[in-house]
N, C-alpha and C. Protein backbone atom coordinates (compact mmCIF):
# COMPACT_ATOMS: atom_id res chain seq x y z
N MET A 1 80.42 78.11 176.92
CA MET A 1 81.33 79.15 176.88
C MET A 1 81.39 79.80 175.71
N SER A 2 81.79 81.01 175.57
CA SER A 2 81.83 81.78 174.27
C SER A 2 83.25 82.51 174.27
N PRO A 3 84.08 82.20 173.49
CA PRO A 3 83.99 81.16 172.43
C PRO A 3 84.20 79.71 173.01
N PRO A 4 83.89 78.78 172.22
CA PRO A 4 84.11 77.40 172.72
C PRO A 4 85.46 77.00 173.23
N ILE A 5 85.75 76.21 174.15
CA ILE A 5 86.99 75.99 174.58
C ILE A 5 87.51 74.94 173.63
N ALA A 6 88.82 75.35 173.30
CA ALA A 6 89.52 74.44 172.40
C ALA A 6 91.01 74.52 172.51
N PRO A 7 91.76 73.77 171.98
CA PRO A 7 93.37 73.91 172.24
C PRO A 7 93.79 75.10 171.68
N VAL A 8 94.85 75.72 172.50
CA VAL A 8 95.31 77.08 172.34
C VAL A 8 96.71 77.07 172.78
N ALA A 9 97.51 77.99 172.32
CA ALA A 9 98.99 78.11 172.75
C ALA A 9 98.89 79.44 173.48
N LEU A 10 99.53 79.39 174.61
CA LEU A 10 99.53 80.76 175.63
C LEU A 10 100.94 80.85 175.82
N GLU A 11 101.57 82.19 175.58
CA GLU A 11 102.84 82.51 175.79
C GLU A 11 103.24 83.69 176.64
N GLY A 12 104.07 83.52 177.58
CA GLY A 12 104.65 84.70 178.35
C GLY A 12 106.21 84.75 178.23
N ARG A 13 106.80 85.49 179.22
CA ARG A 13 108.09 85.72 179.27
C ARG A 13 108.90 84.53 179.72
N HIS A 14 108.39 83.69 180.69
CA HIS A 14 109.12 82.60 181.42
C HIS A 14 108.52 81.29 180.85
N VAL A 15 107.32 81.35 180.32
CA VAL A 15 106.58 79.97 180.11
C VAL A 15 105.91 79.96 178.64
N ARG A 16 105.89 78.90 178.10
CA ARG A 16 104.98 78.73 176.94
C ARG A 16 104.25 77.42 177.08
N LEU A 17 102.94 77.56 176.84
CA LEU A 17 101.92 76.53 177.02
C LEU A 17 101.46 75.99 175.54
N ILE A 18 101.79 74.80 175.10
CA ILE A 18 101.23 74.56 173.79
C ILE A 18 100.50 73.21 173.93
N PRO A 19 99.51 73.04 172.91
CA PRO A 19 98.76 71.80 173.04
C PRO A 19 99.68 70.68 173.06
N LEU A 20 99.24 69.52 174.03
CA LEU A 20 100.04 68.49 174.13
C LEU A 20 100.00 67.49 172.89
N SER A 21 101.08 66.82 172.60
CA SER A 21 101.12 65.96 171.31
C SER A 21 102.00 64.73 171.75
N PRO A 22 101.65 63.72 171.14
CA PRO A 22 102.41 62.54 171.27
C PRO A 22 104.07 62.80 171.01
N GLU A 23 104.28 63.67 170.08
CA GLU A 23 105.76 64.02 169.83
C GLU A 23 106.53 64.49 171.01
N HIS A 24 105.74 64.93 172.07
CA HIS A 24 106.24 65.45 173.34
C HIS A 24 106.80 64.39 174.37
N GLU A 25 106.66 63.11 174.12
CA GLU A 25 106.85 62.09 175.02
C GLU A 25 108.39 62.05 175.54
N ALA A 26 109.28 62.26 174.64
CA ALA A 26 110.68 62.14 175.02
C ALA A 26 110.96 63.37 175.99
N GLY A 27 110.55 64.46 175.78
CA GLY A 27 110.72 65.67 176.37
C GLY A 27 110.13 65.58 177.81
N GLN A 28 108.79 64.99 177.92
CA GLN A 28 108.14 64.78 179.06
C GLN A 28 108.67 63.78 180.05
N ILE A 29 109.27 62.88 179.47
CA ILE A 29 110.10 61.80 180.20
C ILE A 29 111.33 62.50 180.78
N GLU A 30 112.03 63.29 180.11
CA GLU A 30 113.22 63.94 180.75
C GLU A 30 112.69 64.97 181.73
N ALA A 31 111.67 65.59 181.75
CA ALA A 31 111.05 66.53 182.55
C ALA A 31 110.75 65.84 184.00
N ALA A 32 110.24 64.79 183.80
CA ALA A 32 109.76 63.90 185.06
C ALA A 32 111.14 63.38 185.74
N ARG A 33 111.98 63.13 184.93
CA ARG A 33 113.25 62.55 185.60
C ARG A 33 113.98 63.58 186.44
N ASP A 34 113.74 65.08 186.30
CA ASP A 34 114.37 65.83 187.15
C ASP A 34 113.56 66.02 188.19
N GLY A 35 114.00 65.37 189.28
CA GLY A 35 113.40 65.36 190.63
C GLY A 35 112.69 63.99 190.88
N GLU A 36 112.81 62.88 189.81
CA GLU A 36 112.16 61.77 189.97
C GLU A 36 110.87 61.76 190.61
N LEU A 37 110.00 62.71 189.93
CA LEU A 37 108.73 63.16 190.41
C LEU A 37 107.71 61.85 190.52
N TRP A 38 107.80 60.79 189.91
CA TRP A 38 106.86 59.79 190.08
C TRP A 38 107.11 59.03 191.54
N ASN A 39 108.07 59.48 192.23
CA ASN A 39 108.39 58.90 193.48
C ASN A 39 107.43 59.81 194.75
N LEU A 40 106.77 60.92 194.30
CA LEU A 40 106.02 61.61 195.34
C LEU A 40 104.60 60.88 195.42
N TRP A 41 104.45 60.22 196.71
CA TRP A 41 103.33 59.48 196.87
C TRP A 41 102.10 60.14 196.82
N TYR A 42 101.95 61.47 197.07
CA TYR A 42 100.65 62.09 197.24
C TYR A 42 100.32 62.85 195.93
N THR A 43 100.97 62.54 194.76
CA THR A 43 100.66 63.08 193.49
C THR A 43 100.82 62.14 192.46
N SER A 44 100.39 62.17 191.25
CA SER A 44 100.56 61.17 190.29
C SER A 44 101.24 61.79 188.94
N VAL A 45 102.59 61.58 188.84
CA VAL A 45 103.43 61.87 187.76
C VAL A 45 103.83 60.66 187.03
N PRO A 46 103.64 60.60 185.80
CA PRO A 46 103.93 59.14 185.08
C PRO A 46 105.48 59.03 185.16
N THR A 47 105.83 57.51 185.25
CA THR A 47 107.20 57.24 184.94
C THR A 47 107.60 57.17 183.41
N ALA A 48 108.77 56.93 183.19
CA ALA A 48 109.09 56.86 181.75
C ALA A 48 108.29 55.85 180.99
N GLU A 49 108.11 54.71 181.65
CA GLU A 49 107.34 53.64 181.01
C GLU A 49 105.86 53.94 180.90
N GLY A 50 105.41 54.91 181.69
CA GLY A 50 103.89 55.21 181.71
C GLY A 50 103.52 56.56 181.07
N MET A 51 104.69 57.24 180.51
CA MET A 51 104.41 58.57 179.73
C MET A 51 103.49 58.57 178.56
N LYS A 52 103.78 57.45 177.70
CA LYS A 52 103.09 57.31 176.51
C LYS A 52 101.59 57.10 176.76
N GLY A 53 101.39 56.32 177.79
CA GLY A 53 99.90 55.99 178.17
C GLY A 53 99.28 57.21 178.87
N GLU A 54 99.95 58.06 179.58
CA GLU A 54 99.37 59.36 180.01
C GLU A 54 99.03 60.32 179.00
N ILE A 55 100.02 60.35 178.06
CA ILE A 55 99.64 61.26 176.95
C ILE A 55 98.51 60.84 176.12
N THR A 56 98.42 59.75 175.93
CA THR A 56 97.21 58.87 175.28
C THR A 56 95.95 59.23 175.97
N ARG A 57 96.12 59.05 177.35
CA ARG A 57 94.87 59.31 178.28
C ARG A 57 94.39 60.65 178.13
N ARG A 58 95.35 61.59 178.21
CA ARG A 58 94.94 62.86 178.15
C ARG A 58 94.26 63.39 176.84
N LEU A 59 94.92 62.94 175.80
CA LEU A 59 94.45 63.13 174.53
C LEU A 59 93.14 62.49 174.19
N GLY A 60 92.81 61.40 174.84
CA GLY A 60 91.37 60.75 174.66
C GLY A 60 90.37 61.73 175.43
N LEU A 61 90.76 62.26 176.52
CA LEU A 61 89.88 63.16 177.19
C LEU A 61 89.67 64.44 176.49
N LEU A 62 90.69 65.01 175.70
CA LEU A 62 90.51 65.94 174.79
C LEU A 62 89.57 65.83 173.82
N ALA A 63 89.58 64.58 173.16
CA ALA A 63 88.69 64.11 172.06
C ALA A 63 87.30 63.90 172.67
N ALA A 64 87.15 63.59 173.88
CA ALA A 64 85.83 63.53 174.55
C ALA A 64 85.30 64.97 174.99
N GLY A 65 86.06 65.84 174.86
CA GLY A 65 85.53 67.25 175.27
C GLY A 65 85.70 67.60 176.71
N SER A 66 86.44 66.81 177.58
CA SER A 66 86.40 67.09 178.93
C SER A 66 87.69 67.66 179.37
N MET A 67 88.71 67.65 178.59
CA MET A 67 90.04 68.18 179.01
C MET A 67 90.78 68.81 177.78
N ILE A 68 91.59 69.86 178.02
CA ILE A 68 92.50 70.55 177.14
C ILE A 68 93.68 70.43 177.77
N PRO A 69 94.68 69.48 177.38
CA PRO A 69 95.99 69.25 177.93
C PRO A 69 97.05 70.10 177.14
N PHE A 70 97.91 70.64 178.01
CA PHE A 70 98.99 71.34 177.60
C PHE A 70 100.43 70.77 177.91
N THR A 71 101.34 71.03 177.10
CA THR A 71 102.80 70.83 177.33
C THR A 71 103.43 72.04 177.88
N VAL A 72 104.05 72.05 179.01
CA VAL A 72 104.67 73.35 179.55
C VAL A 72 106.16 73.35 179.08
N MET A 73 106.38 74.51 178.62
CA MET A 73 107.80 74.66 178.16
C MET A 73 108.52 75.88 178.76
N ASP A 74 109.80 75.92 179.15
CA ASP A 74 110.37 77.15 179.71
C ASP A 74 110.72 78.12 178.58
N ALA A 75 111.37 79.09 178.99
CA ALA A 75 111.72 80.36 178.04
C ALA A 75 112.46 79.80 177.02
N ALA A 76 113.39 78.78 177.12
CA ALA A 76 114.32 78.28 176.17
C ALA A 76 113.81 77.34 175.24
N GLY A 77 112.47 76.99 175.52
CA GLY A 77 111.65 75.93 174.69
C GLY A 77 111.93 74.58 175.07
N THR A 78 112.40 74.20 176.32
CA THR A 78 112.74 72.85 176.76
C THR A 78 111.36 72.57 177.47
N ILE A 79 111.03 71.39 177.31
CA ILE A 79 109.76 70.75 177.91
C ILE A 79 110.03 70.55 179.44
N VAL A 80 109.24 71.11 180.19
CA VAL A 80 109.36 70.98 181.64
C VAL A 80 108.08 70.52 182.47
N GLY A 81 107.05 69.93 181.91
CA GLY A 81 105.99 69.45 182.37
C GLY A 81 104.68 69.55 181.67
N MET A 82 103.52 69.29 182.45
CA MET A 82 102.19 69.29 181.77
C MET A 82 101.16 69.97 182.73
N THR A 83 100.16 70.51 182.08
CA THR A 83 99.00 71.00 182.93
C THR A 83 97.84 70.98 182.08
N THR A 84 96.67 70.99 182.72
CA THR A 84 95.46 71.00 181.76
C THR A 84 94.24 71.86 182.39
N TYR A 85 93.45 72.14 181.34
CA TYR A 85 92.00 72.55 181.67
C TYR A 85 91.20 71.17 181.68
N MET A 86 90.48 71.02 182.85
CA MET A 86 89.85 69.79 182.95
C MET A 86 88.35 69.96 183.69
N ASN A 87 87.60 68.91 183.82
CA ASN A 87 86.27 69.01 184.40
C ASN A 87 85.49 70.10 183.99
N ILE A 88 85.61 70.40 182.61
CA ILE A 88 84.98 71.45 181.90
C ILE A 88 83.40 71.36 181.84
N ASP A 89 82.87 72.56 182.34
CA ASP A 89 81.41 72.62 182.41
C ASP A 89 81.08 73.80 181.53
N ALA A 90 80.67 73.58 180.47
CA ALA A 90 80.41 74.69 179.37
C ALA A 90 79.15 75.40 179.73
N VAL A 91 78.25 74.86 180.57
CA VAL A 91 76.85 75.45 180.90
C VAL A 91 77.16 76.68 181.86
N THR A 92 77.92 76.38 182.91
CA THR A 92 77.86 77.33 184.02
C THR A 92 78.55 78.74 183.63
N PRO A 93 79.53 78.89 182.73
CA PRO A 93 80.69 77.96 182.68
C PRO A 93 81.82 77.97 183.78
N ARG A 94 82.54 76.89 183.87
CA ARG A 94 83.75 76.89 184.89
C ARG A 94 84.49 75.66 184.57
N LEU A 95 85.85 75.54 185.02
CA LEU A 95 86.49 74.55 184.87
C LEU A 95 87.63 74.47 185.83
N GLU A 96 88.41 73.37 185.81
CA GLU A 96 89.44 73.10 186.79
C GLU A 96 90.83 73.22 186.01
N ILE A 97 91.85 73.99 186.60
CA ILE A 97 93.18 73.78 186.22
C ILE A 97 93.98 72.74 187.06
N GLY A 98 94.36 71.60 186.51
CA GLY A 98 94.82 70.59 187.23
C GLY A 98 95.75 69.66 186.47
N HIS A 99 96.13 68.51 187.20
CA HIS A 99 96.93 67.48 186.54
C HIS A 99 98.36 68.15 186.17
N THR A 100 98.72 69.03 187.04
CA THR A 100 99.89 69.89 186.76
C THR A 100 101.12 69.14 187.41
N TRP A 101 102.13 69.14 186.73
CA TRP A 101 103.51 68.79 187.45
C TRP A 101 104.50 69.51 186.63
N TYR A 102 105.63 69.86 187.28
CA TYR A 102 106.84 70.48 186.56
C TYR A 102 108.11 69.87 187.08
N ALA A 103 109.03 69.91 186.19
CA ALA A 103 110.45 69.38 186.42
C ALA A 103 110.91 70.19 187.75
N ALA A 104 111.72 69.38 188.63
CA ALA A 104 112.03 70.18 189.93
C ALA A 104 112.85 71.50 189.63
N ARG A 105 113.54 71.62 188.69
CA ARG A 105 114.54 72.95 188.36
C ARG A 105 113.55 74.07 188.05
N VAL A 106 112.36 73.99 187.77
CA VAL A 106 111.54 75.15 187.46
C VAL A 106 110.59 75.41 188.63
N GLN A 107 110.58 74.61 189.68
CA GLN A 107 109.54 74.75 190.71
C GLN A 107 109.96 75.85 191.52
N ARG A 108 108.92 76.43 192.19
CA ARG A 108 109.19 77.69 193.07
C ARG A 108 109.86 78.86 192.38
N GLY A 109 109.58 78.95 191.04
CA GLY A 109 110.02 80.09 190.46
C GLY A 109 109.03 80.68 189.60
N PRO A 110 109.43 81.72 188.70
CA PRO A 110 108.27 82.59 187.91
C PRO A 110 107.60 81.78 187.09
N LEU A 111 107.89 80.52 186.64
CA LEU A 111 107.20 79.72 185.48
C LEU A 111 105.94 79.39 186.07
N ASN A 112 105.62 78.87 186.96
CA ASN A 112 104.23 78.50 187.57
C ASN A 112 103.44 79.65 187.70
N THR A 113 103.98 80.71 188.18
CA THR A 113 103.12 81.95 188.43
C THR A 113 102.62 82.54 187.14
N GLU A 114 103.51 82.64 186.13
CA GLU A 114 103.16 83.06 184.86
C GLU A 114 102.11 82.13 184.06
N ALA A 115 102.58 80.71 184.30
CA ALA A 115 101.60 79.87 183.53
C ALA A 115 100.30 79.94 184.02
N LYS A 116 100.06 80.11 185.49
CA LYS A 116 98.67 80.34 185.87
C LYS A 116 98.15 81.59 185.53
N LEU A 117 98.82 82.62 185.60
CA LEU A 117 98.39 83.96 185.01
C LEU A 117 97.74 83.78 183.65
N LEU A 118 98.46 83.14 182.63
CA LEU A 118 97.97 82.89 181.37
C LEU A 118 96.83 82.00 181.38
N LEU A 119 96.69 80.87 182.16
CA LEU A 119 95.59 79.99 182.18
C LEU A 119 94.38 80.73 182.71
N LEU A 120 94.50 81.35 183.91
CA LEU A 120 93.46 81.95 184.48
C LEU A 120 92.89 83.25 183.59
N THR A 121 93.75 84.01 183.04
CA THR A 121 93.32 85.12 181.98
C THR A 121 92.54 84.46 180.99
N HIS A 122 93.01 83.42 180.30
CA HIS A 122 92.32 82.98 179.20
C HIS A 122 91.00 82.39 179.67
N ALA A 123 90.85 81.66 180.77
CA ALA A 123 89.68 81.08 181.28
C ALA A 123 88.64 82.04 181.53
N ILE A 124 89.06 83.05 182.24
CA ILE A 124 88.15 84.07 182.75
C ILE A 124 87.84 85.04 181.76
N GLU A 125 88.75 85.79 181.16
CA GLU A 125 88.58 86.90 180.21
C GLU A 125 88.14 86.50 178.94
N THR A 126 88.65 85.40 178.37
CA THR A 126 88.30 84.90 176.94
C THR A 126 87.17 83.95 176.96
N LEU A 127 87.18 82.98 177.92
CA LEU A 127 86.24 81.79 177.83
C LEU A 127 84.97 82.25 178.60
N GLY A 128 85.13 83.26 179.62
CA GLY A 128 84.02 83.66 180.23
C GLY A 128 83.64 82.90 181.53
N CYS A 129 84.62 82.08 182.00
CA CYS A 129 84.27 81.27 183.19
C CYS A 129 83.85 82.17 184.42
N SER A 130 82.91 81.57 185.02
CA SER A 130 82.62 82.20 186.40
C SER A 130 83.45 81.92 187.53
N ALA A 131 84.08 80.76 187.41
CA ALA A 131 85.12 80.21 188.40
C ALA A 131 86.02 79.24 187.80
N VAL A 132 87.31 79.33 188.54
CA VAL A 132 88.38 78.32 187.94
C VAL A 132 88.62 77.69 189.31
N GLU A 133 88.67 76.15 189.23
CA GLU A 133 89.01 75.48 190.45
C GLU A 133 90.45 74.90 190.35
N PHE A 134 90.89 74.71 191.63
CA PHE A 134 92.08 73.91 191.76
C PHE A 134 91.95 72.80 192.90
N ARG A 135 92.49 71.69 192.68
CA ARG A 135 92.23 70.53 193.65
C ARG A 135 93.77 70.06 193.94
N THR A 136 93.89 69.68 195.15
CA THR A 136 95.20 68.86 195.42
C THR A 136 95.02 68.02 196.57
N HIS A 137 95.94 67.27 197.01
CA HIS A 137 95.82 66.32 198.04
C HIS A 137 96.14 66.97 199.22
N PHE A 138 95.42 66.85 200.25
CA PHE A 138 95.54 67.43 201.61
C PHE A 138 97.06 67.54 202.16
N MET A 139 97.65 66.44 201.75
CA MET A 139 99.12 66.22 202.47
C MET A 139 100.10 67.03 201.42
N ASN A 140 99.68 67.50 200.39
CA ASN A 140 100.61 68.13 199.44
C ASN A 140 100.86 69.58 199.84
N GLN A 141 101.44 70.01 200.83
CA GLN A 141 101.64 71.25 201.36
C GLN A 141 102.29 72.17 200.33
N GLN A 142 103.21 71.77 199.44
CA GLN A 142 103.93 72.55 198.53
C GLN A 142 102.83 72.98 197.50
N SER A 143 102.04 72.11 197.02
CA SER A 143 100.99 72.50 196.08
C SER A 143 99.89 73.36 196.72
N ARG A 144 99.51 73.06 198.01
CA ARG A 144 98.57 74.06 198.61
C ARG A 144 98.97 75.43 198.70
N ARG A 145 100.33 75.57 199.26
CA ARG A 145 100.78 77.05 199.30
C ARG A 145 101.04 77.58 198.00
N ALA A 146 101.23 76.77 196.88
CA ALA A 146 101.38 77.49 195.58
C ALA A 146 99.92 77.91 195.13
N ILE A 147 98.99 77.15 195.39
CA ILE A 147 97.50 77.57 195.01
C ILE A 147 97.06 78.78 195.78
N GLU A 148 97.40 78.80 197.05
CA GLU A 148 96.86 79.93 197.96
C GLU A 148 97.76 81.14 197.38
N ARG A 149 99.12 81.02 196.95
CA ARG A 149 99.76 82.16 196.41
C ARG A 149 99.10 82.75 195.24
N LEU A 150 98.24 81.99 194.51
CA LEU A 150 97.62 82.51 193.35
C LEU A 150 96.50 83.50 193.77
N GLY A 151 96.22 83.35 195.07
CA GLY A 151 94.95 84.09 195.34
C GLY A 151 93.59 83.30 195.50
N ALA A 152 93.76 81.91 195.13
CA ALA A 152 92.55 81.08 195.44
C ALA A 152 92.27 81.00 196.79
N LYS A 153 90.91 80.74 197.04
CA LYS A 153 90.30 80.46 198.39
C LYS A 153 89.90 78.97 198.52
N LEU A 154 90.04 78.53 199.78
CA LEU A 154 89.69 77.13 200.00
C LEU A 154 88.33 77.11 200.07
N ASP A 155 87.57 76.32 199.18
CA ASP A 155 86.14 75.98 199.26
C ASP A 155 85.74 74.98 200.29
N GLY A 156 86.71 74.01 200.30
CA GLY A 156 86.42 72.95 201.31
C GLY A 156 87.36 71.86 201.15
N ILE A 157 87.08 70.73 202.02
CA ILE A 157 88.02 69.46 201.83
C ILE A 157 87.02 68.26 201.71
N LEU A 158 87.13 67.69 200.48
CA LEU A 158 86.47 66.41 200.20
C LEU A 158 87.01 65.22 201.05
N ARG A 159 86.52 64.71 202.08
CA ARG A 159 87.32 63.62 202.71
C ARG A 159 86.89 62.28 201.95
N HIS A 160 87.93 61.58 201.94
CA HIS A 160 87.99 60.27 201.35
C HIS A 160 87.55 60.21 199.87
N HIS A 161 88.01 61.26 199.31
CA HIS A 161 87.42 61.51 197.82
C HIS A 161 87.94 60.68 196.81
N ALA A 162 89.12 60.28 196.83
CA ALA A 162 89.79 59.36 195.82
C ALA A 162 90.91 58.51 196.26
N ARG A 163 91.34 57.57 195.55
CA ARG A 163 92.41 56.65 195.73
C ARG A 163 93.65 57.30 195.27
N SER A 164 94.61 57.40 196.10
CA SER A 164 96.19 57.67 195.71
C SER A 164 96.73 56.57 195.03
N PRO A 165 97.70 56.88 194.17
CA PRO A 165 98.36 55.79 193.44
C PRO A 165 98.83 54.64 194.34
N ASN A 166 99.20 54.85 195.57
CA ASN A 166 99.44 53.85 196.51
C ASN A 166 98.37 53.14 197.12
N GLY A 167 97.25 53.57 196.85
CA GLY A 167 95.97 52.88 197.29
C GLY A 167 95.32 53.50 198.58
N ALA A 168 96.19 54.49 199.11
CA ALA A 168 95.56 55.10 200.37
C ALA A 168 94.48 56.05 199.98
N LEU A 169 93.29 56.31 200.77
CA LEU A 169 92.30 57.18 200.48
C LEU A 169 92.87 58.64 200.54
N ARG A 170 92.49 59.51 199.68
CA ARG A 170 92.96 60.81 199.57
C ARG A 170 91.87 61.73 199.92
N ASP A 171 92.17 62.72 200.82
CA ASP A 171 91.40 63.94 201.08
C ASP A 171 91.82 65.01 200.19
N THR A 172 90.77 65.52 199.51
CA THR A 172 91.06 66.64 198.38
C THR A 172 90.71 67.94 198.84
N CYS A 173 91.70 68.87 198.88
CA CYS A 173 91.40 70.24 199.10
C CYS A 173 90.98 70.90 197.85
N VAL A 174 89.85 71.65 197.90
CA VAL A 174 89.20 72.26 196.76
C VAL A 174 89.33 73.81 196.88
N TYR A 175 89.90 74.43 195.97
CA TYR A 175 90.11 75.72 195.95
C TYR A 175 89.49 76.41 194.72
N SER A 176 89.21 77.84 194.69
CA SER A 176 88.79 78.45 193.46
C SER A 176 89.12 79.85 193.44
N ILE A 177 89.16 80.52 192.21
CA ILE A 177 89.13 81.90 191.93
C ILE A 177 87.79 82.12 191.22
N THR A 178 86.88 83.01 191.79
CA THR A 178 85.82 83.42 191.00
C THR A 178 86.08 84.53 190.07
N ALA A 179 85.20 84.84 189.15
CA ALA A 179 85.26 85.98 188.32
C ALA A 179 85.41 87.42 189.13
N PRO A 180 84.55 87.53 190.09
CA PRO A 180 84.71 88.75 190.93
C PRO A 180 86.04 88.81 191.73
N ASP A 181 86.69 87.51 192.00
CA ASP A 181 87.86 87.59 192.62
C ASP A 181 89.19 87.94 191.68
N TRP A 182 88.89 87.70 190.45
CA TRP A 182 89.87 87.80 189.50
C TRP A 182 90.64 89.09 189.48
N PRO A 183 90.12 90.32 189.42
CA PRO A 183 91.03 91.49 189.19
C PRO A 183 92.01 91.63 190.33
N ALA A 184 91.71 91.34 191.62
CA ALA A 184 92.76 91.34 192.75
C ALA A 184 93.64 90.20 192.43
N ALA A 185 93.22 88.95 192.17
CA ALA A 185 94.09 87.75 191.98
C ALA A 185 95.16 88.22 190.81
N LYS A 186 94.68 88.81 189.68
CA LYS A 186 95.53 89.07 188.66
C LYS A 186 96.46 90.15 188.88
N ALA A 187 96.06 91.18 189.74
CA ALA A 187 97.03 92.11 190.07
C ALA A 187 98.08 91.55 190.92
N HIS A 188 97.70 90.63 191.65
CA HIS A 188 98.80 89.94 192.75
C HIS A 188 99.68 89.11 191.97
N LEU A 189 99.27 88.49 190.91
CA LEU A 189 100.01 87.59 190.13
C LEU A 189 100.91 88.35 189.30
N GLN A 190 100.57 89.61 188.81
CA GLN A 190 101.45 90.50 188.06
C GLN A 190 102.43 91.07 188.92
N TRP A 191 102.09 91.48 190.25
CA TRP A 191 103.04 91.87 191.16
C TRP A 191 104.08 90.79 191.43
N GLN A 192 103.57 89.74 191.72
CA GLN A 192 104.61 88.57 192.03
C GLN A 192 105.80 88.35 191.04
N LEU A 193 105.20 88.47 189.69
CA LEU A 193 106.17 88.39 188.62
C LEU A 193 107.21 89.49 188.40
N LYS A 194 106.72 90.61 188.88
CA LYS A 194 107.54 91.82 188.80
C LYS A 194 108.56 92.03 189.94
N LYS A 195 108.13 91.50 191.09
CA LYS A 195 109.08 91.86 192.25
C LYS A 195 110.28 90.96 192.16
N PRO A 196 111.40 91.42 192.79
CA PRO A 196 112.84 90.87 192.75
C PRO A 196 112.59 89.29 193.55
N ARG A 197 113.28 88.42 192.85
CA ARG A 197 113.29 87.06 193.47
C ARG A 197 114.51 86.72 194.23
């Protein structure tokens, strides 16, 4: 990738993405409490007791060069979740946007749309990615609809791809936006942010 992928802050009107830090633990715990997100069986959001370990895990992957984790903040500067660049392939180059979760109060609003616009713009236009991937549980219909609204196309379904937190085998839906797809997807995201809600 040119330039090399590294932690960066990205800011819009509705959202601010900053490098994840251990100092964000209390804010992340409060964000996860909004909606008791750890109770969603088809995704993995840390509990209050597990938040420190999740932050440590993500920062370990940052140190290993395979993840760039972000803290997600709303327009008022309140922590509302996490997201990452992950599965970074510097040779192709491509990456995945994933391990994303948001407090219930900001779901289905402009925050996610703008966050994805910022992340995709940086990945494709600055880092030169040929494709950006998204993955979600087959049963996570809310996430699948949100990914499809971004303009991502379904590449396929990986059957029995991983174990869910409850031990069940997970079928994973794999989506992507390629560099040639990006101009139309970008225009669509910009339009979504401008249209009345």
